[in-house]
Protein backbone atom coordinates (compact mmCIF):
# COMPACT_ATOMS: atom_id res chain seq x y z
CA MET A 1 -26.61 35.16 15.50
CA ARG A 2 -29.38 34.09 17.93
CA ASN A 3 -28.96 31.62 20.80
CA GLY A 4 -25.51 30.67 19.50
CA ARG A 5 -26.80 29.86 16.02
CA THR A 6 -25.84 31.57 12.78
CA LYS A 7 -28.75 32.52 10.57
CA PHE A 8 -27.95 31.57 6.96
CA ALA A 9 -31.29 32.41 5.36
CA PRO A 10 -30.98 35.28 2.85
CA THR A 11 -32.58 38.59 3.89
CA HIS A 12 -33.72 41.57 1.82
CA ASN A 13 -31.70 44.75 1.86
CA LYS A 14 -33.08 48.24 1.65
CA GLU A 15 -33.06 48.19 -2.16
CA GLY A 16 -35.26 45.10 -2.19
CA GLY A 17 -32.47 42.68 -3.17
CA TYR A 18 -30.99 39.78 -1.24
CA ASN A 19 -28.23 40.23 1.31
CA MET A 20 -25.47 38.36 -0.51
CA ARG A 21 -23.41 37.87 2.65
CA TYR A 22 -25.87 35.25 3.85
CA VAL A 23 -26.26 33.71 0.41
CA THR A 24 -22.49 33.29 0.12
CA LYS A 25 -22.25 31.67 3.55
CA SER A 26 -25.01 29.25 2.65
CA ALA A 27 -23.30 28.31 -0.62
CA ASP A 28 -19.95 27.83 1.12
CA PHE A 29 -21.57 25.59 3.71
CA LEU A 30 -23.26 23.49 1.02
CA LEU A 31 -20.01 23.06 -0.94
CA LEU A 32 -18.17 22.04 2.22
CA PHE A 33 -20.84 19.49 3.08
CA LEU A 34 -20.78 17.99 -0.41
CA SER A 35 -16.98 17.76 -0.47
CA LEU A 36 -16.86 16.02 2.90
CA SER A 37 -19.83 13.75 2.45
CA GLY A 38 -17.85 11.12 0.55
CA ALA A 39 -15.32 10.82 3.35
CA LEU A 40 -17.93 11.01 6.11
CA PHE A 41 -19.98 8.16 4.72
CA ALA A 42 -17.09 5.95 3.62
CA GLY A 43 -16.38 2.71 5.40
CA GLY A 44 -13.44 0.38 5.60
CA ILE A 45 -12.17 -3.15 5.96
CA LYS A 46 -9.78 -4.37 8.60
CA GLY A 47 -8.57 -7.77 9.63
CA THR A 48 -5.72 -10.11 10.46
CA VAL A 49 -3.78 -12.56 8.30
CA LYS A 50 -2.35 -15.71 9.86
CA TYR A 51 -0.13 -18.52 8.65
CA GLU A 52 -1.20 -22.10 9.26
CA GLY A 53 1.73 -24.46 9.61
CA LYS A 54 5.15 -24.73 11.16
CA VAL A 55 6.87 -21.36 11.04
CA PRO A 56 10.34 -21.64 9.51
CA ARG A 57 13.20 -19.73 11.11
CA MET A 58 14.50 -17.13 8.71
CA LYS A 59 18.17 -17.73 7.92
CA ALA A 60 20.84 -15.11 8.49
CA ILE A 61 21.94 -13.34 5.32
CA ARG A 62 25.65 -13.61 4.57
CA MET A 63 26.85 -10.21 3.38
CA ALA A 64 30.61 -10.68 3.70
CA ALA A 65 31.02 -10.33 -0.08
CA ASP A 66 30.30 -6.61 0.35
CA PRO A 67 32.07 -5.22 3.45
CA ILE A 68 29.94 -2.06 3.37
CA CYS A 69 26.77 -4.13 3.61
CA ASP A 70 28.25 -6.41 6.24
CA GLY A 71 29.37 -3.45 8.35
CA LYS A 72 25.86 -2.03 8.59
CA HIS A 73 24.63 -4.90 10.77
CA THR A 74 26.70 -4.52 13.92
CA GLN A 75 23.89 -5.77 16.20
CA GLY A 76 23.59 -9.08 14.39
CA PRO A 77 22.99 -10.27 10.83
CA ALA A 78 19.94 -9.38 8.80
CA ARG A 79 17.60 -12.26 8.12
CA ALA A 80 15.54 -13.35 5.14
CA GLU A 81 12.00 -11.94 4.95
CA TRP A 82 10.17 -14.41 2.74
CA LEU A 83 7.95 -15.68 5.58
CA LEU A 84 7.73 -13.54 8.67
CA ALA A 85 5.23 -15.03 11.10
CA GLY A 86 4.96 -14.19 14.77
CA PRO A 87 3.15 -15.71 17.75
CA GLU A 88 0.00 -17.60 16.82
CA GLY A 89 1.05 -17.40 13.18
CA VAL A 90 0.33 -13.71 12.58
CA LEU A 91 1.79 -13.00 9.16
CA GLN A 92 3.68 -9.89 8.07
CA ASN A 93 4.19 -8.53 4.54
CA VAL A 94 0.89 -9.72 3.09
CA PHE A 95 -0.51 -7.43 0.38
CA VAL A 96 -4.27 -7.12 0.92
CA TYR A 97 -6.27 -5.35 -1.75
CA VAL A 98 -9.70 -4.89 -3.32
CA GLU A 99 -9.63 -7.06 -6.42
CA LYS A 100 -13.24 -6.63 -7.60
CA GLY A 101 -16.09 -4.22 -6.89
CA LEU A 102 -14.63 -0.93 -8.09
CA GLU A 103 -15.11 -1.45 -11.83
CA GLY A 104 -16.03 1.73 -13.69
CA LYS A 105 -14.75 4.04 -10.97
CA GLU A 106 -11.79 6.36 -11.47
CA PHE A 107 -9.38 7.53 -8.81
CA LYS A 108 -6.86 10.34 -8.90
CA THR A 109 -3.20 9.36 -9.03
CA PRO A 110 -1.42 10.55 -5.86
CA GLU A 111 0.94 13.48 -6.33
CA THR A 112 3.22 12.24 -3.56
CA SER A 113 5.81 9.62 -4.44
CA ALA A 114 6.03 6.19 -2.88
CA VAL A 115 9.47 5.42 -1.45
CA ILE A 116 11.56 2.25 -1.52
CA ASP A 117 14.93 2.56 0.20
CA GLN A 118 18.03 0.39 -0.08
CA ARG A 119 19.07 0.46 3.55
CA GLY A 120 21.43 -2.01 5.14
CA CYS A 121 21.50 -3.71 1.73
CA ILE A 122 17.85 -4.63 2.19
CA TYR A 123 14.84 -3.20 0.35
CA VAL A 124 12.67 -1.22 2.77
CA PRO A 125 9.78 -1.87 2.66
CA HIS A 126 9.90 -5.45 1.44
CA VAL A 127 6.27 -5.28 0.23
CA SER A 128 4.44 -2.11 -0.80
CA GLY A 129 1.70 -0.80 -3.06
CA VAL A 130 1.27 2.11 -5.46
CA GLN A 131 -1.34 3.37 -7.88
CA VAL A 132 -1.00 3.28 -11.64
CA GLY A 133 1.16 6.20 -12.75
CA GLN A 134 2.32 7.06 -9.24
CA LYS A 135 5.98 8.02 -8.92
CA ILE A 136 8.26 5.69 -6.99
CA ASP A 137 11.44 7.16 -5.52
CA ILE A 138 14.02 4.40 -5.14
CA LEU A 139 16.74 5.54 -2.75
CA ASN A 140 20.26 4.37 -2.03
CA SER A 141 21.10 5.06 1.61
CA ASP A 142 23.95 2.55 1.71
CA GLY A 143 26.80 4.32 -0.05
CA THR A 144 27.61 1.18 -2.02
CA LEU A 145 26.79 -0.07 -5.51
CA HIS A 146 23.28 -1.41 -6.03
CA ASN A 147 21.53 -2.49 -9.21
CA VAL A 148 17.76 -2.03 -9.26
CA HIS A 149 16.16 -4.59 -11.55
CA ALA A 150 12.36 -4.50 -11.91
CA MET A 151 10.74 -7.45 -13.65
CA PRO A 152 7.08 -6.75 -14.44
CA LYS A 153 5.10 -9.30 -16.45
CA VAL A 154 2.43 -6.95 -17.82
CA LYS A 155 3.50 -5.56 -21.19
CA LYS A 156 2.68 -1.90 -20.49
CA ASN A 157 4.85 -1.91 -17.38
CA VAL A 158 8.36 -1.16 -18.56
CA ALA A 159 11.12 -3.26 -17.03
CA PHE A 160 14.22 -1.42 -15.88
CA ASN A 161 17.69 -2.42 -14.79
CA GLU A 162 19.73 0.49 -13.47
CA ALA A 163 22.99 0.69 -11.59
CA MET A 164 23.02 2.91 -8.51
CA PRO A 165 26.60 3.62 -7.42
CA GLY A 166 27.05 4.90 -3.89
CA ALA A 167 26.91 8.52 -5.06
CA ARG A 168 23.61 8.04 -6.92
CA LYS A 169 21.05 8.60 -4.21
CA LYS A 170 17.73 8.41 -6.05
CA ILE A 171 16.02 7.21 -9.20
CA THR A 172 12.34 7.75 -9.94
CA LYS A 173 10.17 5.23 -11.77
CA GLN A 174 6.51 4.37 -12.31
CA PHE A 175 4.30 1.57 -13.61
CA ASP A 176 1.45 2.36 -16.00
CA GLU A 177 -0.73 -0.75 -15.74
CA LYS A 178 -2.15 -2.61 -12.77
CA GLU A 179 -0.15 -5.68 -11.77
CA VAL A 180 0.00 -7.77 -8.60
CA MET A 181 2.92 -8.07 -8.02
CA VAL A 182 6.03 -6.54 -9.63
CA ARG A 183 9.23 -8.14 -8.39
CA ILE A 184 12.32 -6.01 -7.84
CA LYS A 185 15.78 -7.43 -7.17
CA CYS A 186 19.40 -6.32 -6.98
CA ASP A 187 21.80 -8.05 -9.35
CA VAL A 188 24.76 -7.04 -7.18
CA HIS A 189 23.36 -8.46 -3.94
CA PRO A 190 21.32 -11.59 -4.74
CA TRP A 191 19.60 -11.70 -1.35
CA MET A 192 17.85 -8.37 -1.97
CA GLY A 193 14.25 -8.52 -3.14
CA ALA A 194 11.03 -6.50 -2.95
CA PHE A 195 7.49 -6.67 -4.32
CA VAL A 196 5.26 -3.81 -5.43
CA GLY A 197 1.52 -4.08 -6.04
CA VAL A 198 0.26 -1.72 -8.75
CA LEU A 199 -3.45 -0.91 -8.68
CA ASP A 200 -5.82 1.55 -10.35
CA HIS A 201 -7.28 2.54 -6.98
CA PRO A 202 -6.00 3.33 -3.46
CA PHE A 203 -7.69 0.51 -1.55
CA PHE A 204 -4.85 -1.72 -0.40
CA ALA A 205 -2.71 -2.34 2.65
CA VAL A 206 0.26 -4.41 3.83
CA THR A 207 0.07 -6.40 7.05
CA ASP A 208 2.24 -5.27 9.94
CA LYS A 209 4.19 -7.36 12.46
CA ALA A 210 0.95 -8.30 14.20
CA GLY A 211 -0.58 -9.49 10.92
CA ASN A 212 -3.07 -6.62 10.92
CA PHE A 213 -4.24 -4.51 7.99
CA GLU A 214 -6.77 -1.73 7.46
CA ILE A 215 -8.22 -0.38 4.21
CA LYS A 216 -9.94 2.96 4.70
CA GLY A 217 -12.31 5.13 2.69
CA LEU A 218 -14.30 2.48 0.83
CA PRO A 219 -17.79 3.46 -0.32
CA ALA A 220 -20.64 1.14 0.58
CA GLY A 221 -20.67 -1.97 -1.58
CA THR A 222 -19.69 -5.60 -1.93
CA TYR A 223 -16.08 -6.37 -2.80
CA THR A 224 -13.71 -9.22 -3.48
CA VAL A 225 -10.73 -8.74 -1.20
CA THR A 226 -7.56 -10.75 -1.84
CA ALA A 227 -4.57 -11.48 0.39
CA TRP A 228 -1.31 -12.07 -1.53
CA HIS A 229 1.91 -13.51 -0.13
CA GLU A 230 5.14 -14.16 -2.02
CA ARG A 231 5.41 -17.83 -0.98
CA LEU A 232 1.82 -18.85 -0.20
CA PRO A 233 -1.27 -19.24 -2.41
CA ALA A 234 -3.45 -16.14 -2.43
CA LYS A 235 -6.83 -16.23 -0.77
CA SER A 236 -9.95 -14.15 -1.49
CA ALA A 237 -13.11 -13.28 0.44
CA THR A 238 -16.35 -11.47 -0.37
CA VAL A 239 -16.79 -8.51 1.95
CA THR A 240 -19.74 -6.11 2.24
CA VAL A 241 -19.15 -2.58 3.51
CA LYS A 242 -22.27 -0.81 4.77
CA GLY A 243 -22.23 2.99 4.72
CA GLU A 244 -19.70 4.35 7.14
CA GLY A 245 -19.38 1.01 8.90
CA GLU A 246 -16.26 -1.11 9.16
CA ALA A 247 -16.26 -4.67 7.89
CA THR A 248 -13.90 -7.42 9.01
CA ALA A 249 -12.01 -9.86 6.80
CA ASP A 250 -9.58 -12.34 8.35
CA PHE A 251 -7.44 -14.69 6.27
CA VAL A 252 -5.54 -17.89 6.97
CA LEU A 253 -2.83 -18.75 4.44
CA LYS A 254 -1.08 -22.07 4.20
CA ARG A 255 1.22 -24.00 1.94
CA PRO A 256 -0.44 -26.16 -0.72
CA PRO A 257 -0.42 -29.90 -0.02
CA LYS A 258 2.59 -31.74 -1.38
CA LYS A 259 1.98 -33.60 -4.60
CA LYS A 260 2.04 -37.35 -4.32
CA ASN A 261 4.46 -39.20 -6.57
């Protein structure tokens, strides 16, 4: 080491060969650089989704039919989640994903499971995303009977309808074809509902309470990005990501105009 710098150039040893210690360090450094280069030079897309229109007040959910459910909301009743918009119309639970621009690319299926919990007799989260073939752990934290009923429309995605008594704490499922979105409901508690987006890549996000989303790790390119909401027409935008830069895509969703008689 000279002047705080490590010398990686190979040197000759007494026998006239190369000093393999330096060669090995150089190779390790090169492999590390190559493995990190994809992440270092990846960009992303972030933005905000807003709702245009009068924001409806979400009605309280009546759970008296199941005392266990009802008893879990001592601070006030749970409310419907089909349109959660805050100040200035910022919209929660919007599934934002790359719809086009990744054709021909393959992505590894995550080894970690996604999780959907039945908590307070509500599906948590209400909207989520997974990759094709990724395991989904569906939990029952309520200690009461639930019935998990998934209703995909794509043929390769197998529908399921399974009872989860209070003692049955987890079932594990997966979907094998991309589909936006798969609806899940509970046949025991009709107010319960969730939506899962199934994609063949990891570039998706769900808006938070402030209507914000962020999709990380996208390679440079031009993409079609779509914002999906369970009650509002989807909206798409063309977005270009440059190198390791971050592009912005904001969406405004609104109800379709009423049909005239």
